[in-house]
mmCIF file of all heavy atoms, coordinates in Angstrom:
data_MODEL
# 
_entry.id   MODEL 
# 
loop_
_atom_site.group_PDB 
_atom_site.id 
_atom_site.type_symbol 
_atom_site.label_atom_id 
_atom_site.label_alt_id 
_atom_site.label_comp_id 
_atom_site.label_asym_id 
_atom_site.label_entity_id 
_atom_site.label_seq_id 
_atom_site.pdbx_PDB_ins_code 
_atom_site.Cartn_x 
_atom_site.Cartn_y 
_atom_site.Cartn_z 
_atom_site.occupancy 
_atom_site.B_iso_or_equiv 
_atom_site.pdbx_formal_charge 
_atom_site.auth_seq_id 
_atom_site.auth_comp_id 
_atom_site.auth_asym_id 
_atom_site.auth_atom_id 
_atom_site.pdbx_PDB_model_num 
ATOM 1   N N   . LYS A 1 1  ? 8.558   -18.355 30.231 1.00 0.00 ? 1  LYS A N   1 
ATOM 2   C CA  . LYS A 1 1  ? 9.582   -17.979 29.246 1.00 0.00 ? 1  LYS A CA  1 
ATOM 3   C C   . LYS A 1 1  ? 9.080   -16.881 28.292 1.00 0.00 ? 1  LYS A C   1 
ATOM 4   O O   . LYS A 1 1  ? 9.868   -16.120 27.744 1.00 0.00 ? 1  LYS A O   1 
ATOM 5   C CB  . LYS A 1 1  ? 9.990   -19.206 28.411 1.00 0.00 ? 1  LYS A CB  1 
ATOM 6   C CG  . LYS A 1 1  ? 10.784  -20.265 29.217 1.00 0.00 ? 1  LYS A CG  1 
ATOM 7   C CD  . LYS A 1 1  ? 11.089  -21.461 28.351 1.00 0.00 ? 1  LYS A CD  1 
ATOM 8   C CE  . LYS A 1 1  ? 11.788  -22.577 29.165 1.00 0.00 ? 1  LYS A CE  1 
ATOM 9   N NZ  . LYS A 1 1  ? 12.046  -23.747 28.330 1.00 0.00 ? 1  LYS A NZ  1 
ATOM 10  N N   . LYS A 1 2  ? 7.767   -16.851 28.107 1.00 0.00 ? 2  LYS A N   1 
ATOM 11  C CA  . LYS A 1 2  ? 7.163   -15.849 27.209 1.00 0.00 ? 2  LYS A CA  1 
ATOM 12  C C   . LYS A 1 2  ? 6.528   -14.717 27.997 1.00 0.00 ? 2  LYS A C   1 
ATOM 13  O O   . LYS A 1 2  ? 5.779   -13.908 27.485 1.00 0.00 ? 2  LYS A O   1 
ATOM 14  C CB  . LYS A 1 2  ? 6.084   -16.558 26.348 1.00 0.00 ? 2  LYS A CB  1 
ATOM 15  C CG  . LYS A 1 2  ? 6.607   -17.647 25.482 1.00 0.00 ? 2  LYS A CG  1 
ATOM 16  C CD  . LYS A 1 2  ? 5.480   -18.322 24.757 1.00 0.00 ? 2  LYS A CD  1 
ATOM 17  C CE  . LYS A 1 2  ? 6.006   -19.379 23.748 1.00 0.00 ? 2  LYS A CE  1 
ATOM 18  N NZ  . LYS A 1 2  ? 6.722   -20.462 24.387 1.00 0.00 ? 2  LYS A NZ  1 
ATOM 19  N N   . ASN A 1 3  ? 6.871   -14.670 29.341 1.00 0.00 ? 3  ASN A N   1 
ATOM 20  C CA  . ASN A 1 3  ? 6.373   -13.632 30.235 1.00 0.00 ? 3  ASN A CA  1 
ATOM 21  C C   . ASN A 1 3  ? 4.833   -13.615 30.265 1.00 0.00 ? 3  ASN A C   1 
ATOM 22  O O   . ASN A 1 3  ? 4.156   -12.592 30.264 1.00 0.00 ? 3  ASN A O   1 
ATOM 23  C CB  . ASN A 1 3  ? 6.854   -12.234 29.787 1.00 0.00 ? 3  ASN A CB  1 
ATOM 24  C CG  . ASN A 1 3  ? 8.334   -12.062 30.035 1.00 0.00 ? 3  ASN A CG  1 
ATOM 25  O OD1 . ASN A 1 3  ? 8.846   -12.499 31.076 1.00 0.00 ? 3  ASN A OD1 1 
ATOM 26  N ND2 . ASN A 1 3  ? 9.021   -11.404 29.120 1.00 0.00 ? 3  ASN A ND2 1 
ATOM 27  N N   . ILE A 1 4  ? 4.271   -14.865 30.262 1.00 0.00 ? 4  ILE A N   1 
ATOM 28  C CA  . ILE A 1 4  ? 2.815   -15.001 30.353 1.00 0.00 ? 4  ILE A CA  1 
ATOM 29  C C   . ILE A 1 4  ? 2.492   -15.603 31.697 1.00 0.00 ? 4  ILE A C   1 
ATOM 30  O O   . ILE A 1 4  ? 2.996   -16.627 32.108 1.00 0.00 ? 4  ILE A O   1 
ATOM 31  C CB  . ILE A 1 4  ? 2.265   -15.948 29.232 1.00 0.00 ? 4  ILE A CB  1 
ATOM 32  C CG1 . ILE A 1 4  ? 2.601   -15.337 27.870 1.00 0.00 ? 4  ILE A CG1 1 
ATOM 33  C CG2 . ILE A 1 4  ? 0.792   -16.161 29.379 1.00 0.00 ? 4  ILE A CG2 1 
ATOM 34  C CD1 . ILE A 1 4  ? 2.230   -16.270 26.706 1.00 0.00 ? 4  ILE A CD1 1 
ATOM 35  N N   . PHE A 1 5  ? 1.635   -14.940 32.487 1.00 0.00 ? 5  PHE A N   1 
ATOM 36  C CA  . PHE A 1 5  ? 1.234   -15.408 33.798 1.00 0.00 ? 5  PHE A CA  1 
ATOM 37  C C   . PHE A 1 5  ? -0.270  -15.531 33.878 1.00 0.00 ? 5  PHE A C   1 
ATOM 38  O O   . PHE A 1 5  ? -1.005  -14.589 33.512 1.00 0.00 ? 5  PHE A O   1 
ATOM 39  C CB  . PHE A 1 5  ? 1.744   -14.428 34.903 1.00 0.00 ? 5  PHE A CB  1 
ATOM 40  C CG  . PHE A 1 5  ? 3.246   -14.271 34.872 1.00 0.00 ? 5  PHE A CG  1 
ATOM 41  C CD1 . PHE A 1 5  ? 3.857   -13.323 34.084 1.00 0.00 ? 5  PHE A CD1 1 
ATOM 42  C CD2 . PHE A 1 5  ? 4.030   -15.126 35.628 1.00 0.00 ? 5  PHE A CD2 1 
ATOM 43  C CE1 . PHE A 1 5  ? 5.230   -13.181 34.065 1.00 0.00 ? 5  PHE A CE1 1 
ATOM 44  C CE2 . PHE A 1 5  ? 5.424   -14.997 35.595 1.00 0.00 ? 5  PHE A CE2 1 
ATOM 45  C CZ  . PHE A 1 5  ? 6.034   -14.019 34.850 1.00 0.00 ? 5  PHE A CZ  1 
ATOM 46  N N   . LEU A 1 6  ? -0.735  -16.708 34.273 1.00 0.00 ? 6  LEU A N   1 
ATOM 47  C CA  . LEU A 1 6  ? -2.148  -16.983 34.267 1.00 0.00 ? 6  LEU A CA  1 
ATOM 48  C C   . LEU A 1 6  ? -2.758  -16.868 35.652 1.00 0.00 ? 6  LEU A C   1 
ATOM 49  O O   . LEU A 1 6  ? -2.118  -17.288 36.658 1.00 0.00 ? 6  LEU A O   1 
ATOM 50  C CB  . LEU A 1 6  ? -2.430  -18.389 33.729 1.00 0.00 ? 6  LEU A CB  1 
ATOM 51  C CG  . LEU A 1 6  ? -1.960  -18.658 32.282 1.00 0.00 ? 6  LEU A CG  1 
ATOM 52  C CD1 . LEU A 1 6  ? -2.331  -20.072 31.916 1.00 0.00 ? 6  LEU A CD1 1 
ATOM 53  C CD2 . LEU A 1 6  ? -2.536  -17.676 31.321 1.00 0.00 ? 6  LEU A CD2 1 
ATOM 54  N N   . SER A 1 7  ? -3.957  -16.332 35.751 1.00 0.00 ? 7  SER A N   1 
ATOM 55  C CA  . SER A 1 7  ? -4.694  -16.297 36.987 1.00 0.00 ? 7  SER A CA  1 
ATOM 56  C C   . SER A 1 7  ? -5.349  -17.672 37.230 1.00 0.00 ? 7  SER A C   1 
ATOM 57  O O   . SER A 1 7  ? -5.337  -18.538 36.345 1.00 0.00 ? 7  SER A O   1 
ATOM 58  C CB  . SER A 1 7  ? -5.770  -15.230 36.940 1.00 0.00 ? 7  SER A CB  1 
ATOM 59  O OG  . SER A 1 7  ? -6.761  -15.573 35.995 1.00 0.00 ? 7  SER A OG  1 
ATOM 60  N N   . ASP A 1 8  ? -5.910  -17.871 38.423 1.00 0.00 ? 8  ASP A N   1 
ATOM 61  C CA  . ASP A 1 8  ? -6.587  -19.127 38.699 1.00 0.00 ? 8  ASP A CA  1 
ATOM 62  C C   . ASP A 1 8  ? -7.694  -19.402 37.705 1.00 0.00 ? 8  ASP A C   1 
ATOM 63  O O   . ASP A 1 8  ? -7.843  -20.541 37.221 1.00 0.00 ? 8  ASP A O   1 
ATOM 64  C CB  . ASP A 1 8  ? -7.192  -19.081 40.133 1.00 0.00 ? 8  ASP A CB  1 
ATOM 65  C CG  . ASP A 1 8  ? -6.117  -19.156 41.196 1.00 0.00 ? 8  ASP A CG  1 
ATOM 66  O OD1 . ASP A 1 8  ? -4.973  -19.464 40.869 1.00 0.00 ? 8  ASP A OD1 1 
ATOM 67  O OD2 . ASP A 1 8  ? -6.455  -18.926 42.389 1.00 0.00 ? 8  ASP A OD2 1 
ATOM 68  N N   . ASP A 1 9  ? -8.494  -18.375 37.380 1.00 0.00 ? 9  ASP A N   1 
ATOM 69  C CA  . ASP A 1 9  ? -9.578  -18.540 36.416 1.00 0.00 ? 9  ASP A CA  1 
ATOM 70  C C   . ASP A 1 9  ? -9.047  -18.941 35.027 1.00 0.00 ? 9  ASP A C   1 
ATOM 71  O O   . ASP A 1 9  ? -9.624  -19.776 34.336 1.00 0.00 ? 9  ASP A O   1 
ATOM 72  C CB  . ASP A 1 9  ? -10.389 -17.274 36.300 1.00 0.00 ? 9  ASP A CB  1 
ATOM 73  C CG  . ASP A 1 9  ? -11.222 -17.006 37.539 1.00 0.00 ? 9  ASP A CG  1 
ATOM 74  O OD1 . ASP A 1 9  ? -11.444 -17.980 38.292 1.00 0.00 ? 9  ASP A OD1 1 
ATOM 75  O OD2 . ASP A 1 9  ? -11.636 -15.864 37.753 1.00 0.00 ? 9  ASP A OD2 1 
ATOM 76  N N   . GLN A 1 10 ? -7.893  -18.367 34.670 1.00 0.00 ? 10 GLN A N   1 
ATOM 77  C CA  . GLN A 1 10 ? -7.323  -18.671 33.357 1.00 0.00 ? 10 GLN A CA  1 
ATOM 78  C C   . GLN A 1 10 ? -6.805  -20.125 33.314 1.00 0.00 ? 10 GLN A C   1 
ATOM 79  O O   . GLN A 1 10 ? -6.881  -20.779 32.292 1.00 0.00 ? 10 GLN A O   1 
ATOM 80  C CB  . GLN A 1 10 ? -6.214  -17.691 33.025 1.00 0.00 ? 10 GLN A CB  1 
ATOM 81  C CG  . GLN A 1 10 ? -6.712  -16.293 32.680 1.00 0.00 ? 10 GLN A CG  1 
ATOM 82  C CD  . GLN A 1 10 ? -5.616  -15.255 32.578 1.00 0.00 ? 10 GLN A CD  1 
ATOM 83  O OE1 . GLN A 1 10 ? -4.645  -15.272 33.357 1.00 0.00 ? 10 GLN A OE1 1 
ATOM 84  N NE2 . GLN A 1 10 ? -5.749  -14.382 31.617 1.00 0.00 ? 10 GLN A NE2 1 
ATOM 85  N N   . TRP A 1 11 ? -6.219  -20.618 34.423 1.00 0.00 ? 11 TRP A N   1 
ATOM 86  C CA  . TRP A 1 11 ? -5.774  -22.005 34.461 1.00 0.00 ? 11 TRP A CA  1 
ATOM 87  C C   . TRP A 1 11 ? -6.996  -22.951 34.288 1.00 0.00 ? 11 TRP A C   1 
ATOM 88  O O   . TRP A 1 11 ? -6.901  -23.958 33.585 1.00 0.00 ? 11 TRP A O   1 
ATOM 89  C CB  . TRP A 1 11 ? -5.108  -22.308 35.822 1.00 0.00 ? 11 TRP A CB  1 
ATOM 90  C CG  . TRP A 1 11 ? -3.636  -22.034 35.787 1.00 0.00 ? 11 TRP A CG  1 
ATOM 91  C CD1 . TRP A 1 11 ? -2.977  -21.030 36.400 1.00 0.00 ? 11 TRP A CD1 1 
ATOM 92  C CD2 . TRP A 1 11 ? -2.630  -22.793 35.087 1.00 0.00 ? 11 TRP A CD2 1 
ATOM 93  N NE1 . TRP A 1 11 ? -1.642  -21.080 36.128 1.00 0.00 ? 11 TRP A NE1 1 
ATOM 94  C CE2 . TRP A 1 11 ? -1.399  -22.158 35.318 1.00 0.00 ? 11 TRP A CE2 1 
ATOM 95  C CE3 . TRP A 1 11 ? -2.665  -23.899 34.279 1.00 0.00 ? 11 TRP A CE3 1 
ATOM 96  C CZ2 . TRP A 1 11 ? -0.189  -22.598 34.788 1.00 0.00 ? 11 TRP A CZ2 1 
ATOM 97  C CZ3 . TRP A 1 11 ? -1.464  -24.366 33.731 1.00 0.00 ? 11 TRP A CZ3 1 
ATOM 98  C CH2 . TRP A 1 11 ? -0.257  -23.714 34.017 1.00 0.00 ? 11 TRP A CH2 1 
ATOM 99  N N   . ASN A 1 12 ? -8.088  -22.618 34.943 1.00 0.00 ? 12 ASN A N   1 
ATOM 100 C CA  . ASN A 1 12 ? -9.290  -23.427 34.807 1.00 0.00 ? 12 ASN A CA  1 
ATOM 101 C C   . ASN A 1 12 ? -9.818  -23.377 33.362 1.00 0.00 ? 12 ASN A C   1 
ATOM 102 O O   . ASN A 1 12 ? -10.331 -24.423 32.850 1.00 0.00 ? 12 ASN A O   1 
ATOM 103 C CB  . ASN A 1 12 ? -10.364 -22.945 35.782 1.00 0.00 ? 12 ASN A CB  1 
ATOM 104 C CG  . ASN A 1 12 ? -10.018 -23.193 37.226 1.00 0.00 ? 12 ASN A CG  1 
ATOM 105 O OD1 . ASN A 1 12 ? -9.279  -24.126 37.528 1.00 0.00 ? 12 ASN A OD1 1 
ATOM 106 N ND2 . ASN A 1 12 ? -10.511 -22.367 38.135 1.00 0.00 ? 12 ASN A ND2 1 
ATOM 107 N N   . ILE A 1 13 ? -9.728  -22.260 32.738 1.00 0.00 ? 13 ILE A N   1 
ATOM 108 C CA  . ILE A 1 13 ? -10.130 -22.153 31.305 1.00 0.00 ? 13 ILE A CA  1 
ATOM 109 C C   . ILE A 1 13 ? -9.232  -23.022 30.454 1.00 0.00 ? 13 ILE A C   1 
ATOM 110 O O   . ILE A 1 13 ? -9.691  -23.707 29.532 1.00 0.00 ? 13 ILE A O   1 
ATOM 111 C CB  . ILE A 1 13 ? -10.036 -20.676 30.858 1.00 0.00 ? 13 ILE A CB  1 
ATOM 112 C CG1 . ILE A 1 13 ? -11.170 -19.879 31.536 1.00 0.00 ? 13 ILE A CG1 1 
ATOM 113 C CG2 . ILE A 1 13 ? -10.195 -20.602 29.318 1.00 0.00 ? 13 ILE A CG2 1 
ATOM 114 C CD1 . ILE A 1 13 ? -11.070 -18.388 31.263 1.00 0.00 ? 13 ILE A CD1 1 
ATOM 115 N N   . LEU A 1 14 ? -7.910  -23.088 30.786 1.00 0.00 ? 14 LEU A N   1 
ATOM 116 C CA  . LEU A 1 14 ? -6.988  -23.922 30.030 1.00 0.00 ? 14 LEU A CA  1 
ATOM 117 C C   . LEU A 1 14 ? -7.378  -25.395 30.090 1.00 0.00 ? 14 LEU A C   1 
ATOM 118 O O   . LEU A 1 14 ? -7.340  -26.123 29.107 1.00 0.00 ? 14 LEU A O   1 
ATOM 119 C CB  . LEU A 1 14 ? -5.559  -23.729 30.554 1.00 0.00 ? 14 LEU A CB  1 
ATOM 120 C CG  . LEU A 1 14 ? -4.404  -24.223 29.687 1.00 0.00 ? 14 LEU A CG  1 
ATOM 121 C CD1 . LEU A 1 14 ? -4.381  -23.516 28.346 1.00 0.00 ? 14 LEU A CD1 1 
ATOM 122 C CD2 . LEU A 1 14 ? -3.075  -24.018 30.409 1.00 0.00 ? 14 LEU A CD2 1 
ATOM 123 N N   . LEU A 1 15 ? -7.736  -25.847 31.297 1.00 0.00 ? 15 LEU A N   1 
ATOM 124 C CA  . LEU A 1 15 ? -8.197  -27.230 31.427 1.00 0.00 ? 15 LEU A CA  1 
ATOM 125 C C   . LEU A 1 15 ? -9.494  -27.477 30.664 1.00 0.00 ? 15 LEU A C   1 
ATOM 126 O O   . LEU A 1 15 ? -9.665  -28.506 30.002 1.00 0.00 ? 15 LEU A O   1 
ATOM 127 C CB  . LEU A 1 15 ? -8.402  -27.591 32.892 1.00 0.00 ? 15 LEU A CB  1 
ATOM 128 C CG  . LEU A 1 15 ? -8.895  -28.998 33.233 1.00 0.00 ? 15 LEU A CG  1 
ATOM 129 C CD1 . LEU A 1 15 ? -7.932  -30.040 32.684 1.00 0.00 ? 15 LEU A CD1 1 
ATOM 130 C CD2 . LEU A 1 15 ? -9.136  -29.209 34.712 1.00 0.00 ? 15 LEU A CD2 1 
ATOM 131 N N   . ASP A 1 16 ? -10.405 -26.482 30.710 1.00 0.00 ? 16 ASP A N   1 
ATOM 132 C CA  . ASP A 1 16 ? -11.643 -26.628 29.958 1.00 0.00 ? 16 ASP A CA  1 
ATOM 133 C C   . ASP A 1 16 ? -11.378 -26.682 28.459 1.00 0.00 ? 16 ASP A C   1 
ATOM 134 O O   . ASP A 1 16 ? -12.044 -27.433 27.733 1.00 0.00 ? 16 ASP A O   1 
ATOM 135 C CB  . ASP A 1 16 ? -12.552 -25.408 30.248 1.00 0.00 ? 16 ASP A CB  1 
ATOM 136 C CG  . ASP A 1 16 ? -13.116 -25.455 31.700 1.00 0.00 ? 16 ASP A CG  1 
ATOM 137 O OD1 . ASP A 1 16 ? -13.124 -26.540 32.256 1.00 0.00 ? 16 ASP A OD1 1 
ATOM 138 O OD2 . ASP A 1 16 ? -13.538 -24.398 32.189 1.00 0.00 ? 16 ASP A OD2 1 
ATOM 139 N N   . GLU A 1 17 ? -10.375 -25.923 27.978 1.00 0.00 ? 17 GLU A N   1 
ATOM 140 C CA  . GLU A 1 17 ? -10.024 -25.960 26.572 1.00 0.00 ? 17 GLU A CA  1 
ATOM 141 C C   . GLU A 1 17 ? -9.481  -27.312 26.174 1.00 0.00 ? 17 GLU A C   1 
ATOM 142 O O   . GLU A 1 17 ? -9.732  -27.849 25.068 1.00 0.00 ? 17 GLU A O   1 
ATOM 143 C CB  . GLU A 1 17 ? -9.005  -24.854 26.250 1.00 0.00 ? 17 GLU A CB  1 
ATOM 144 C CG  . GLU A 1 17 ? -9.589  -23.473 26.289 1.00 0.00 ? 17 GLU A CG  1 
ATOM 145 C CD  . GLU A 1 17 ? -8.562  -22.392 25.997 1.00 0.00 ? 17 GLU A CD  1 
ATOM 146 O OE1 . GLU A 1 17 ? -7.360  -22.720 26.010 1.00 0.00 ? 17 GLU A OE1 1 
ATOM 147 O OE2 . GLU A 1 17 ? -8.957  -21.228 25.754 1.00 0.00 ? 17 GLU A OE2 1 
ATOM 148 N N   . TYR A 1 18 ? -8.687  -27.930 27.067 1.00 0.00 ? 18 TYR A N   1 
ATOM 149 C CA  . TYR A 1 18 ? -8.141  -29.267 26.839 1.00 0.00 ? 18 TYR A CA  1 
ATOM 150 C C   . TYR A 1 18 ? -9.258  -30.257 26.682 1.00 0.00 ? 18 TYR A C   1 
ATOM 151 O O   . TYR A 1 18 ? -9.277  -31.078 25.748 1.00 0.00 ? 18 TYR A O   1 
ATOM 152 C CB  . TYR A 1 18 ? -7.207  -29.670 27.987 1.00 0.00 ? 18 TYR A CB  1 
ATOM 153 C CG  . TYR A 1 18 ? -6.719  -31.084 27.956 1.00 0.00 ? 18 TYR A CG  1 
ATOM 154 C CD1 . TYR A 1 18 ? -5.705  -31.451 27.083 1.00 0.00 ? 18 TYR A CD1 1 
ATOM 155 C CD2 . TYR A 1 18 ? -7.269  -32.064 28.804 1.00 0.00 ? 18 TYR A CD2 1 
ATOM 156 C CE1 . TYR A 1 18 ? -5.222  -32.758 27.068 1.00 0.00 ? 18 TYR A CE1 1 
ATOM 157 C CE2 . TYR A 1 18 ? -6.809  -33.367 28.741 1.00 0.00 ? 18 TYR A CE2 1 
ATOM 158 C CZ  . TYR A 1 18 ? -5.800  -33.682 27.884 1.00 0.00 ? 18 TYR A CZ  1 
ATOM 159 O OH  . TYR A 1 18 ? -5.355  -34.990 27.858 1.00 0.00 ? 18 TYR A OH  1 
ATOM 160 N N   . LYS A 1 19 ? -10.232 -30.189 27.582 1.00 0.00 ? 19 LYS A N   1 
ATOM 161 C CA  . LYS A 1 19 ? -11.367 -31.111 27.513 1.00 0.00 ? 19 LYS A CA  1 
ATOM 162 C C   . LYS A 1 19 ? -12.223 -30.832 26.271 1.00 0.00 ? 19 LYS A C   1 
ATOM 163 O O   . LYS A 1 19 ? -12.822 -31.749 25.700 1.00 0.00 ? 19 LYS A O   1 
ATOM 164 C CB  . LYS A 1 19 ? -12.197 -31.026 28.798 1.00 0.00 ? 19 LYS A CB  1 
ATOM 165 C CG  . LYS A 1 19 ? -11.469 -31.593 30.019 1.00 0.00 ? 19 LYS A CG  1 
ATOM 166 C CD  . LYS A 1 19 ? -12.335 -31.714 31.257 1.00 0.00 ? 19 LYS A CD  1 
ATOM 167 C CE  . LYS A 1 19 ? -12.630 -30.407 31.854 1.00 0.00 ? 19 LYS A CE  1 
ATOM 168 N NZ  . LYS A 1 19 ? -13.317 -30.577 33.185 1.00 0.00 ? 19 LYS A NZ  1 
ATOM 169 N N   . ALA A 1 20 ? -12.274 -29.587 25.882 1.00 0.00 ? 20 ALA A N   1 
ATOM 170 C CA  . ALA A 1 20 ? -13.050 -29.224 24.673 1.00 0.00 ? 20 ALA A CA  1 
ATOM 171 C C   . ALA A 1 20 ? -12.400 -29.816 23.445 1.00 0.00 ? 20 ALA A C   1 
ATOM 172 O O   . ALA A 1 20 ? -13.131 -30.282 22.532 1.00 0.00 ? 20 ALA A O   1 
ATOM 173 C CB  . ALA A 1 20 ? -13.162 -27.692 24.543 1.00 0.00 ? 20 ALA A CB  1 
ATOM 174 N N   . LYS A 1 21 ? -11.061 -29.849 23.419 1.00 0.00 ? 21 LYS A N   1 
ATOM 175 C CA  . LYS A 1 21 ? -10.368 -30.450 22.278 1.00 0.00 ? 21 LYS A CA  1 
ATOM 176 C C   . LYS A 1 21 ? -10.673 -31.949 22.180 1.00 0.00 ? 21 LYS A C   1 
ATOM 177 O O   . LYS A 1 21 ? -10.862 -32.497 21.067 1.00 0.00 ? 21 LYS A O   1 
ATOM 178 C CB  . LYS A 1 21 ? -8.844  -30.211 22.388 1.00 0.00 ? 21 LYS A CB  1 
ATOM 179 C CG  . LYS A 1 21 ? -8.407  -28.760 22.210 1.00 0.00 ? 21 LYS A CG  1 
ATOM 180 C CD  . LYS A 1 21 ? -8.772  -28.253 20.842 1.00 0.00 ? 21 LYS A CD  1 
ATOM 181 C CE  . LYS A 1 21 ? -8.273  -26.843 20.671 1.00 0.00 ? 21 LYS A CE  1 
ATOM 182 N NZ  . LYS A 1 21 ? -8.659  -26.276 19.302 1.00 0.00 ? 21 LYS A NZ  1 
ATOM 183 N N   . ILE A 1 22 ? -10.734 -32.601 23.303 1.00 0.00 ? 22 ILE A N   1 
ATOM 184 C CA  . ILE A 1 22 ? -11.050 -34.021 23.333 1.00 0.00 ? 22 ILE A CA  1 
ATOM 185 C C   . ILE A 1 22 ? -12.501 -34.240 22.833 1.00 0.00 ? 22 ILE A C   1 
ATOM 186 O O   . ILE A 1 22 ? -12.810 -35.182 22.115 1.00 0.00 ? 22 ILE A O   1 
ATOM 187 C CB  . ILE A 1 22 ? -10.846 -34.627 24.741 1.00 0.00 ? 22 ILE A CB  1 
ATOM 188 C CG1 . ILE A 1 22 ? -9.346  -34.658 25.064 1.00 0.00 ? 22 ILE A CG1 1 
ATOM 189 C CG2 . ILE A 1 22 ? -11.454 -36.027 24.841 1.00 0.00 ? 22 ILE A CG2 1 
ATOM 190 C CD1 . ILE A 1 22 ? -9.029  -35.220 26.409 1.00 0.00 ? 22 ILE A CD1 1 
ATOM 191 N N   . ALA A 1 23 ? -13.378 -33.323 23.238 1.00 0.00 ? 23 ALA A N   1 
ATOM 192 C CA  . ALA A 1 23 ? -14.762 -33.407 22.792 1.00 0.00 ? 23 ALA A CA  1 
ATOM 193 C C   . ALA A 1 23 ? -14.858 -33.268 21.286 1.00 0.00 ? 23 ALA A C   1 
ATOM 194 O O   . ALA A 1 23 ? -15.655 -33.935 20.618 1.00 0.00 ? 23 ALA A O   1 
ATOM 195 C CB  . ALA A 1 23 ? -15.602 -32.341 23.492 1.00 0.00 ? 23 ALA A CB  1 
ATOM 196 N N   . GLU A 1 24 ? -13.989 -32.376 20.697 1.00 0.00 ? 24 GLU A N   1 
ATOM 197 C CA  . GLU A 1 24 ? -13.978 -32.224 19.261 1.00 0.00 ? 24 GLU A CA  1 
ATOM 198 C C   . GLU A 1 24 ? -13.487 -33.514 18.572 1.00 0.00 ? 24 GLU A C   1 
ATOM 199 O O   . GLU A 1 24 ? -14.002 -33.926 17.523 1.00 0.00 ? 24 GLU A O   1 
ATOM 200 C CB  . GLU A 1 24 ? -13.004 -31.074 18.904 1.00 0.00 ? 24 GLU A CB  1 
ATOM 201 C CG  . GLU A 1 24 ? -13.565 -29.682 19.238 1.00 0.00 ? 24 GLU A CG  1 
ATOM 202 C CD  . GLU A 1 24 ? -12.584 -28.579 18.881 1.00 0.00 ? 24 GLU A CD  1 
ATOM 203 O OE1 . GLU A 1 24 ? -11.649 -28.857 18.079 1.00 0.00 ? 24 GLU A OE1 1 
ATOM 204 O OE2 . GLU A 1 24 ? -12.753 -27.453 19.349 1.00 0.00 ? 24 GLU A OE2 1 
ATOM 205 N N   . LEU A 1 25 ? -12.488 -34.159 19.159 1.00 0.00 ? 25 LEU A N   1 
ATOM 206 C CA  . LEU A 1 25 ? -12.017 -35.421 18.611 1.00 0.00 ? 25 LEU A CA  1 
ATOM 207 C C   . LEU A 1 25 ? -13.121 -36.475 18.614 1.00 0.00 ? 25 LEU A C   1 
ATOM 208 O O   . LEU A 1 25 ? -13.297 -37.203 17.630 1.00 0.00 ? 25 LEU A O   1 
ATOM 209 C CB  . LEU A 1 25 ? -10.824 -35.923 19.429 1.00 0.00 ? 25 LEU A CB  1 
ATOM 210 C CG  . LEU A 1 25 ? -9.505  -35.186 19.300 1.00 0.00 ? 25 LEU A CG  1 
ATOM 211 C CD1 . LEU A 1 25 ? -8.473  -35.710 20.276 1.00 0.00 ? 25 LEU A CD1 1 
ATOM 212 C CD2 . LEU A 1 25 ? -8.954  -35.301 17.862 1.00 0.00 ? 25 LEU A CD2 1 
ATOM 213 N N   . ARG A 1 26 ? -13.886 -36.554 19.688 1.00 0.00 ? 26 ARG A N   1 
ATOM 214 C CA  . ARG A 1 26 ? -14.938 -37.528 19.804 1.00 0.00 ? 26 ARG A CA  1 
ATOM 215 C C   . ARG A 1 26 ? -16.097 -37.194 18.865 1.00 0.00 ? 26 ARG A C   1 
ATOM 216 O O   . ARG A 1 26 ? -16.825 -38.088 18.420 1.00 0.00 ? 26 ARG A O   1 
ATOM 217 C CB  . ARG A 1 26 ? -15.441 -37.662 21.255 1.00 0.00 ? 26 ARG A CB  1 
ATOM 218 C CG  . ARG A 1 26 ? -14.388 -38.293 22.156 1.00 0.00 ? 26 ARG A CG  1 
ATOM 219 C CD  . ARG A 1 26 ? -14.982 -38.873 23.412 1.00 0.00 ? 26 ARG A CD  1 
ATOM 220 N NE  . ARG A 1 26 ? -14.011 -39.715 24.098 1.00 0.00 ? 26 ARG A NE  1 
ATOM 221 C CZ  . ARG A 1 26 ? -13.431 -39.377 25.270 1.00 0.00 ? 26 ARG A CZ  1 
ATOM 222 N NH1 . ARG A 1 26 ? -13.733 -38.232 25.837 1.00 0.00 ? 26 ARG A NH1 1 
ATOM 223 N NH2 . ARG A 1 26 ? -12.557 -40.206 25.823 1.00 0.00 ? 26 ARG A NH2 1 
ATOM 224 N N   . ALA A 1 27 ? -16.279 -35.904 18.589 1.00 0.00 ? 27 ALA A N   1 
ATOM 225 C CA  . ALA A 1 27 ? -17.338 -35.518 17.666 1.00 0.00 ? 27 ALA A CA  1 
ATOM 226 C C   . ALA A 1 27 ? -16.957 -35.936 16.253 1.00 0.00 ? 27 ALA A C   1 
ATOM 227 O O   . ALA A 1 27 ? -17.815 -36.284 15.455 1.00 0.00 ? 27 ALA A O   1 
ATOM 228 C CB  . ALA A 1 27 ? -17.532 -33.983 17.721 1.00 0.00 ? 27 ALA A CB  1 
ATOM 229 N N   . ALA A 1 28 ? -15.624 -35.873 15.958 1.00 0.00 ? 28 ALA A N   1 
ATOM 230 C CA  . ALA A 1 28 ? -15.157 -36.281 14.616 1.00 0.00 ? 28 ALA A CA  1 
ATOM 231 C C   . ALA A 1 28 ? -15.096 -37.789 14.485 1.00 0.00 ? 28 ALA A C   1 
ATOM 232 O O   . ALA A 1 28 ? -15.369 -38.347 13.421 1.00 0.00 ? 28 ALA A O   1 
ATOM 233 C CB  . ALA A 1 28 ? -13.761 -35.680 14.352 1.00 0.00 ? 28 ALA A CB  1 
# 
């Protein structure tokens, strides 16, 4: 909808960012 298209590497980065957010929660 925002004309944003992700490559395979970018999708993997998105998952890594999700897991990084959970790591931040556990750190807090």
